[in-house]
Amino acid sequence: MQFRPCIDLHDGKVKQIVGSTLGYQDQAVVENFTSDYDSTYYAKLFQQDGLTGGHVIMLGPGNEEAALQALAAYPGGLQVGGGITAENAKTYIEAGASHVIVTSYLFYDGQLDRERLTNLVAAVGKEHVVIDLSCRKKDGKWYVVTDKWTKFSNFEVNAQSLREMEQYCDEFLIHAVDVEGKRSGMQEELVADLAQWTTIPTTYAGGVRSLEDLKKFEQLGQGKLHVTIGSALDIFGGDLAYERVVAYCK
């Protein structure tokens, strides 16, 4: 189990946001935290602590410069997502990203667009692709949600679909959408399911808020899954000591 840190960018600043509140015109975005530090500060911190595979997520337009600055500060140590396409993916790899993270571009109009998927892999290579399968439960099954988590796709996350998608990527990133950013505890059923279903590196995000949660996550994930923690960390305004998480996961 590795700790995979995050740098979430909104309006050019490092923030922690309840992701499920993005994308609705009639709903205010819930911000848990806005940092006084820029993206390079966190990139250098993660580099100093030897953390790899962290993700820089551009939450909407106006974040490209901050993302590129983070990648330049820690070349090869960070993944980048948010608005990635087959056309621009190579630019971010050349700028220092180890991987590009993609969701909505692939799950276009509610279903998996296989042409876009193959074009993306052709552009940067499978070894540089992370497929984000962030999901929400409906009718007892997990489905990928897209467009800032506002729309259900018809893509069910299960053992068979994950095995198929593993052919096109190096890793998965999976947010438990209903608990992400809420410091309310993890989606335990999803963690246990992913541990059974995945065979490539998979990072889970959503709801881990204490060392006790982290220990439970390690148990449920059988040590196979990596973990992202955002709003709960003290470096992002929470109560959980970042240094303790780094030490525990090492």
Protein backbone atom coordinates (compact mmCIF):
# COMPACT_ATOMS: atom_id res chain seq x y z
CA MET A 1 0.00 0.00 0.00
CA GLN A 2 1.33 3.39 -1.01
CA PHE A 3 0.16 6.85 -0.03
CA ARG A 4 -0.56 8.76 -3.23
CA PRO A 5 -0.84 12.50 -2.47
CA CYS A 6 -2.96 14.97 -4.41
CA ILE A 7 -2.86 18.56 -5.63
CA ASP A 8 -6.37 19.69 -6.56
CA LEU A 9 -6.46 22.92 -8.55
CA HIS A 10 -9.49 25.22 -8.82
CA ASP A 11 -9.32 28.75 -10.24
CA GLY A 12 -5.54 28.40 -10.32
CA LYS A 13 -5.24 27.74 -6.57
CA VAL A 14 -4.63 24.62 -4.51
CA LYS A 15 -7.94 23.72 -2.87
CA GLN A 16 -9.85 20.86 -1.33
CA ILE A 17 -13.38 20.70 -2.68
CA VAL A 18 -16.33 18.36 -2.20
CA GLY A 19 -16.12 17.03 -5.74
CA SER A 20 -19.80 16.13 -5.99
CA THR A 21 -20.70 19.85 -5.73
CA LEU A 22 -18.83 20.75 -8.91
CA GLY A 23 -20.63 21.01 -12.22
CA TYR A 24 -24.02 22.26 -11.02
CA GLN A 25 -24.95 25.79 -12.09
CA ASP A 26 -27.61 26.14 -9.38
CA GLN A 27 -25.40 24.83 -6.56
CA ALA A 28 -22.48 26.53 -4.85
CA VAL A 29 -19.16 24.70 -4.87
CA VAL A 30 -18.31 23.52 -1.34
CA GLU A 31 -14.68 24.38 -0.58
CA ASN A 32 -13.10 22.69 2.42
CA PHE A 33 -9.79 24.50 2.11
CA THR A 34 -7.87 27.05 0.03
CA SER A 35 -4.08 27.02 0.42
CA ASP A 36 -1.80 30.03 0.82
CA TYR A 37 0.85 27.97 -0.99
CA ASP A 38 1.05 27.32 -4.71
CA SER A 39 1.18 24.00 -6.53
CA THR A 40 4.99 23.90 -6.60
CA TYR A 41 5.17 24.00 -2.80
CA TYR A 42 3.23 20.74 -2.57
CA ALA A 43 5.07 19.15 -5.49
CA LYS A 44 8.41 19.80 -3.77
CA LEU A 45 7.04 18.55 -0.43
CA PHE A 46 5.96 15.27 -2.00
CA GLN A 47 9.30 14.95 -3.78
CA GLN A 48 11.16 15.59 -0.51
CA ASP A 49 9.19 12.80 1.16
CA GLY A 50 9.78 10.37 -1.70
CA LEU A 51 6.12 10.09 -2.63
CA THR A 52 5.42 9.06 -6.22
CA GLY A 53 2.23 8.62 -8.21
CA GLY A 54 0.46 11.60 -6.67
CA HIS A 55 -2.09 13.29 -8.88
CA VAL A 56 -2.54 16.89 -9.97
CA ILE A 57 -6.20 17.43 -10.88
CA MET A 58 -7.35 20.48 -12.83
CA LEU A 59 -10.91 21.16 -11.69
CA GLY A 60 -12.13 23.23 -14.61
CA PRO A 61 -10.38 25.81 -16.81
CA GLY A 62 -7.70 28.25 -15.67
CA ASN A 63 -5.54 25.64 -13.95
CA GLU A 64 -3.16 24.64 -16.73
CA GLU A 65 -0.33 26.95 -15.66
CA ALA A 66 -0.45 25.81 -12.04
CA ALA A 67 -0.48 22.18 -13.17
CA LEU A 68 2.51 22.66 -15.45
CA GLN A 69 4.41 24.40 -12.65
CA ALA A 70 3.83 21.42 -10.34
CA LEU A 71 5.00 18.98 -13.02
CA ALA A 72 8.14 21.04 -13.61
CA ALA A 73 8.87 21.12 -9.87
CA TYR A 74 8.71 17.32 -9.57
CA PRO A 75 9.41 15.79 -13.01
CA GLY A 76 8.30 12.18 -13.30
CA GLY A 77 6.76 12.14 -9.83
CA LEU A 78 3.21 13.28 -10.52
CA GLN A 79 0.24 12.29 -12.63
CA VAL A 80 -2.09 14.90 -14.14
CA GLY A 81 -5.79 14.88 -14.93
CA GLY A 82 -8.67 17.17 -15.82
CA GLY A 83 -9.45 18.01 -19.43
CA ILE A 84 -6.98 15.48 -20.82
CA THR A 85 -7.56 14.33 -24.42
CA ALA A 86 -5.66 12.34 -27.02
CA GLU A 87 -4.69 15.67 -28.56
CA ASN A 88 -3.11 17.29 -25.49
CA ALA A 89 -1.96 14.25 -23.47
CA LYS A 90 1.55 14.17 -24.94
CA THR A 91 2.09 17.81 -23.97
CA TYR A 92 1.66 16.94 -20.29
CA ILE A 93 3.91 13.88 -20.51
CA GLU A 94 6.59 16.01 -22.14
CA ALA A 95 6.08 18.61 -19.37
CA GLY A 96 7.03 16.04 -16.73
CA ALA A 97 3.89 14.05 -15.89
CA SER A 98 4.49 10.34 -15.38
CA HIS A 99 0.89 9.58 -16.44
CA VAL A 100 -2.24 11.31 -17.68
CA ILE A 101 -5.54 10.61 -15.91
CA VAL A 102 -8.70 10.44 -18.00
CA THR A 103 -12.41 10.00 -17.32
CA SER A 104 -14.98 12.16 -19.09
CA TYR A 105 -13.07 12.19 -22.39
CA LEU A 106 -13.33 8.40 -22.54
CA PHE A 107 -16.86 8.06 -21.22
CA TYR A 108 -18.39 10.41 -23.70
CA ASP A 109 -22.17 10.83 -23.81
CA GLY A 110 -22.72 8.20 -21.13
CA GLN A 111 -20.78 5.35 -22.67
CA LEU A 112 -17.22 4.22 -23.25
CA ASP A 113 -15.84 5.65 -26.49
CA ARG A 114 -13.40 2.97 -27.65
CA GLU A 115 -12.05 5.09 -30.49
CA ARG A 116 -11.02 7.81 -28.05
CA LEU A 117 -9.48 5.18 -25.79
CA THR A 118 -7.35 3.70 -28.56
CA ASN A 119 -6.36 7.18 -29.76
CA LEU A 120 -5.20 8.11 -26.26
CA VAL A 121 -3.12 4.96 -25.92
CA ALA A 122 -1.63 5.57 -29.37
CA ALA A 123 -0.73 9.15 -28.39
CA VAL A 124 1.23 8.43 -25.19
CA GLY A 125 1.39 4.66 -24.71
CA LYS A 126 -0.47 2.45 -22.27
CA GLU A 127 2.35 2.88 -19.75
CA HIS A 128 1.45 6.56 -19.35
CA VAL A 129 -2.34 6.16 -18.97
CA VAL A 130 -4.38 6.13 -15.77
CA ILE A 131 -8.09 5.51 -16.25
CA ASP A 132 -10.25 7.21 -13.65
CA LEU A 133 -13.26 5.01 -12.89
CA SER A 134 -14.75 7.18 -10.14
CA CYS A 135 -18.11 5.69 -9.35
CA ARG A 136 -21.40 5.86 -7.52
CA LYS A 137 -23.79 3.10 -6.58
CA LYS A 138 -27.09 2.66 -8.41
CA ASP A 139 -29.45 -0.31 -8.13
CA GLY A 140 -26.86 -2.19 -6.11
CA LYS A 141 -24.09 -1.79 -8.70
CA TRP A 142 -21.15 0.60 -9.17
CA TYR A 143 -21.30 2.87 -12.23
CA VAL A 144 -18.75 5.35 -13.54
CA VAL A 145 -19.94 8.97 -13.23
CA THR A 146 -18.64 11.70 -15.52
CA ASP A 147 -18.79 15.45 -16.20
CA LYS A 148 -17.57 16.47 -12.73
CA TRP A 149 -19.48 13.49 -11.31
CA THR A 150 -22.88 14.86 -12.35
CA LYS A 151 -23.86 12.16 -14.86
CA PHE A 152 -24.12 8.39 -14.66
CA SER A 153 -22.53 6.49 -17.51
CA ASN A 154 -23.74 3.03 -18.51
CA PHE A 155 -20.33 1.58 -17.59
CA GLU A 156 -20.56 -0.80 -14.64
CA VAL A 157 -17.43 -1.25 -12.55
CA ASN A 158 -17.01 -4.95 -11.83
CA ALA A 159 -14.39 -7.70 -12.14
CA GLN A 160 -15.05 -8.27 -15.83
CA SER A 161 -15.02 -4.61 -16.91
CA LEU A 162 -11.87 -3.87 -14.92
CA ARG A 163 -10.07 -6.81 -16.49
CA GLU A 164 -10.98 -5.49 -19.92
CA MET A 165 -9.86 -1.92 -19.14
CA GLU A 166 -6.55 -3.11 -17.72
CA GLN A 167 -5.46 -3.81 -21.29
CA TYR A 168 -5.44 -0.06 -22.02
CA CYS A 169 -3.81 1.50 -18.97
CA ASP A 170 -1.05 1.27 -16.39
CA GLU A 171 -3.18 2.14 -13.35
CA PHE A 172 -6.69 2.95 -12.13
CA LEU A 173 -7.77 5.90 -9.99
CA ILE A 174 -11.14 5.40 -8.34
CA HIS A 175 -12.94 8.00 -6.23
CA ALA A 176 -15.86 6.91 -4.08
CA VAL A 177 -17.92 9.87 -5.22
CA ASP A 178 -20.51 9.91 -2.44
CA VAL A 179 -17.94 10.21 0.35
CA GLU A 180 -15.09 12.07 -1.37
CA GLY A 181 -14.14 15.29 0.41
CA LYS A 182 -16.63 14.77 3.25
CA ARG A 183 -14.36 13.24 5.92
CA SER A 184 -17.19 10.83 6.69
CA GLY A 185 -15.39 7.52 6.42
CA MET A 186 -14.55 5.39 3.41
CA GLN A 187 -16.90 3.39 1.19
CA GLU A 188 -15.88 0.08 2.71
CA GLU A 189 -17.80 -2.11 0.28
CA LEU A 190 -16.09 -0.49 -2.71
CA VAL A 191 -12.64 -0.89 -1.13
CA ALA A 192 -13.27 -4.59 -0.54
CA ASP A 193 -14.64 -5.05 -4.07
CA LEU A 194 -11.64 -3.34 -5.68
CA ALA A 195 -9.23 -5.52 -3.73
CA GLN A 196 -10.96 -8.58 -5.20
CA TRP A 197 -11.30 -7.24 -8.74
CA THR A 198 -8.09 -5.37 -9.67
CA THR A 199 -4.73 -6.79 -10.72
CA ILE A 200 -2.90 -3.56 -11.67
CA PRO A 201 -1.97 -0.62 -9.37
CA THR A 202 -5.20 1.00 -8.18
CA THR A 203 -5.57 4.11 -6.06
CA TYR A 204 -8.71 4.63 -3.97
CA ALA A 205 -9.86 8.09 -2.88
CA GLY A 206 -12.70 9.04 -0.60
CA GLY A 207 -13.42 9.42 3.09
CA VAL A 208 -10.24 8.22 4.81
CA ARG A 209 -9.94 10.59 7.78
CA SER A 210 -7.78 9.00 10.51
CA LEU A 211 -4.99 6.52 11.13
CA GLU A 212 -7.67 4.08 12.30
CA ASP A 213 -9.39 4.47 8.93
CA LEU A 214 -6.03 3.96 7.21
CA LYS A 215 -5.43 0.72 9.10
CA LYS A 216 -8.93 -0.48 8.24
CA PHE A 217 -8.38 0.48 4.61
CA GLU A 218 -5.18 -1.56 4.51
CA GLN A 219 -7.06 -4.54 5.93
CA LEU A 220 -10.06 -4.25 3.60
CA GLY A 221 -7.79 -3.63 0.61
CA GLN A 222 -5.58 -6.57 1.58
CA GLY A 223 -2.59 -4.24 1.21
CA LYS A 224 -3.11 -4.30 -2.57
CA LEU A 225 -4.68 -0.85 -3.02
CA HIS A 226 -3.01 2.56 -2.83
CA VAL A 227 -4.75 5.43 -1.05
CA THR A 228 -5.26 9.14 -1.55
CA ILE A 229 -6.18 11.40 1.36
CA GLY A 230 -7.06 15.05 0.82
CA SER A 231 -9.31 17.16 3.02
CA ALA A 232 -8.55 15.19 6.19
CA LEU A 233 -4.82 16.05 6.11
CA ASP A 234 -3.46 18.89 8.22
CA ILE A 235 -1.63 20.30 5.17
CA PHE A 236 -5.10 20.82 3.68
CA GLY A 237 -6.84 22.11 6.82
CA GLY A 238 -7.78 18.77 8.39
CA ASP A 239 -6.86 17.02 11.63
CA LEU A 240 -4.85 14.06 10.30
CA ALA A 241 -1.09 14.67 10.40
CA TYR A 242 0.41 14.36 6.92
CA GLU A 243 3.73 13.22 8.41
CA ARG A 244 2.03 10.37 10.27
CA VAL A 245 0.37 9.14 7.08
CA VAL A 246 3.69 9.26 5.21
CA ALA A 247 5.40 7.36 8.02
CA TYR A 248 2.65 4.75 8.30
CA CYS A 249 2.59 4.00 4.58
CA LYS A 250 6.37 3.70 4.40
